[in-house]
């Protein structure tokens, strides 16, 4: 859901059991950012979308915010000339952040 964010509580430390492609089993402990990354990846593999971890109230507010944002972009696209829409999108999405320095 581009353009919307919300904080989600996650465990600071995790212990994860896994199995390699060769069938060997292992256990890994992680903390901090690595712990968060592991939890997020496991949720993705389990098919859990991040907003499902929010309370009902926060989730509904976030979905409304996203829908409102999308209506704004659609209305902007239909009422402006393409070059104006492009200018506005560049301002909103800040593509300069995506450019890499050589």
Protein backbone atom coordinates (compact mmCIF):
# COMPACT_ATOMS: atom_id res chain seq x y z
CA UNK A 1 0.00 0.00 0.00
CA UNK A 2 2.24 2.79 -1.24
CA UNK A 3 1.91 6.10 0.52
CA UNK A 4 0.57 4.83 3.85
CA UNK A 5 2.51 3.67 6.88
CA UNK A 6 1.83 2.53 10.40
CA UNK A 7 4.04 1.20 13.16
CA UNK A 8 3.79 -2.49 13.97
CA UNK A 9 5.16 -4.05 17.14
CA UNK A 10 7.51 -6.96 16.63
CA UNK A 11 9.66 -9.03 18.95
CA UNK A 12 13.15 -7.65 19.57
CA UNK A 13 14.64 -11.17 19.56
CA UNK A 14 13.62 -14.35 17.78
CA UNK A 15 14.81 -17.92 17.50
CA UNK A 16 14.00 -19.50 14.16
CA UNK A 17 14.14 -23.13 13.20
CA UNK A 18 14.76 -23.88 9.53
CA UNK A 19 15.60 -26.61 7.07
CA UNK A 20 18.09 -26.18 4.22
CA UNK A 21 17.47 -27.39 0.67
CA UNK A 22 19.64 -30.40 1.52
CA UNK A 23 17.35 -31.27 4.43
CA UNK A 24 19.72 -30.22 7.20
CA UNK A 25 17.96 -28.58 10.14
CA UNK A 26 19.26 -25.57 11.99
CA UNK A 27 18.35 -22.88 14.48
CA UNK A 28 19.21 -19.20 14.22
CA UNK A 29 18.84 -16.49 16.79
CA UNK A 30 18.44 -12.88 15.70
CA UNK A 31 17.83 -9.55 17.35
CA UNK A 32 17.21 -5.97 16.31
CA UNK A 33 16.69 -5.24 12.63
CA UNK A 34 17.54 -8.79 11.60
CA UNK A 35 14.84 -10.06 13.95
CA UNK A 36 12.30 -7.72 12.34
CA UNK A 37 13.38 -8.80 8.86
CA UNK A 38 12.99 -12.48 9.73
CA UNK A 39 9.53 -11.90 11.17
CA UNK A 40 8.42 -9.93 8.12
CA UNK A 41 9.70 -12.54 5.69
CA UNK A 42 7.99 -15.36 7.59
CA UNK A 43 4.73 -13.40 7.57
CA UNK A 44 5.06 -12.97 3.81
CA UNK A 45 5.64 -16.68 3.32
CA UNK A 46 2.58 -17.38 5.49
CA UNK A 47 0.50 -14.98 3.39
CA UNK A 48 -0.01 -12.42 6.17
CA UNK A 49 -0.37 -8.86 4.86
CA UNK A 50 1.13 -6.33 7.27
CA UNK A 51 -2.13 -4.45 7.90
CA UNK A 52 -3.64 -7.65 9.31
CA UNK A 53 -1.41 -7.13 12.36
CA UNK A 54 -3.08 -3.80 13.16
CA UNK A 55 -6.09 -3.31 15.39
CA UNK A 56 -9.40 -3.14 13.51
CA UNK A 57 -9.65 0.60 14.11
CA UNK A 58 -6.14 1.36 12.82
CA UNK A 59 -6.62 -0.96 9.85
CA UNK A 60 -9.91 0.68 8.83
CA UNK A 61 -8.39 4.16 9.20
CA UNK A 62 -5.40 3.16 7.10
CA UNK A 63 -7.54 1.62 4.35
CA UNK A 64 -9.69 4.78 4.19
CA UNK A 65 -6.54 6.91 3.99
CA UNK A 66 -5.22 4.76 1.14
CA UNK A 67 -8.54 4.82 -0.74
CA UNK A 68 -8.73 8.60 -0.40
CA UNK A 69 -5.20 8.92 -1.69
CA UNK A 70 -5.99 6.68 -4.68
CA UNK A 71 -9.13 8.69 -5.51
CA UNK A 72 -6.98 11.82 -5.49
CA UNK A 73 -4.52 10.33 -7.96
CA UNK A 74 -7.29 9.06 -10.23
CA UNK A 75 -9.03 12.42 -10.19
CA UNK A 76 -5.73 14.18 -10.87
CA UNK A 77 -5.12 11.88 -13.84
CA UNK A 78 -8.54 12.55 -15.36
CA UNK A 79 -8.61 16.34 -14.90
CA UNK A 80 -5.04 17.32 -15.85
CA UNK A 81 -3.10 17.14 -19.05
CA UNK A 82 -0.65 14.20 -19.00
CA UNK A 83 2.38 16.47 -18.52
CA UNK A 84 0.75 18.14 -15.49
CA UNK A 85 -0.03 14.74 -13.98
CA UNK A 86 3.57 13.67 -14.59
CA UNK A 87 4.85 16.78 -12.81
CA UNK A 88 2.58 16.17 -9.82
CA UNK A 89 3.56 12.49 -9.62
CA UNK A 90 7.23 13.36 -9.70
CA UNK A 91 6.66 15.76 -6.82
CA UNK A 92 4.72 13.20 -4.77
CA UNK A 93 6.90 10.15 -5.47
CA UNK A 94 10.26 11.98 -5.44
CA UNK A 95 12.00 9.83 -8.05
CA UNK A 96 15.33 11.50 -7.25
CA UNK A 97 15.46 9.19 -4.24
CA UNK A 98 15.50 6.22 -6.61
CA UNK A 99 18.45 7.43 -8.67
CA UNK A 100 21.77 5.84 -7.87
CA UNK A 101 25.07 7.65 -8.04
CA UNK A 102 27.73 6.15 -10.28
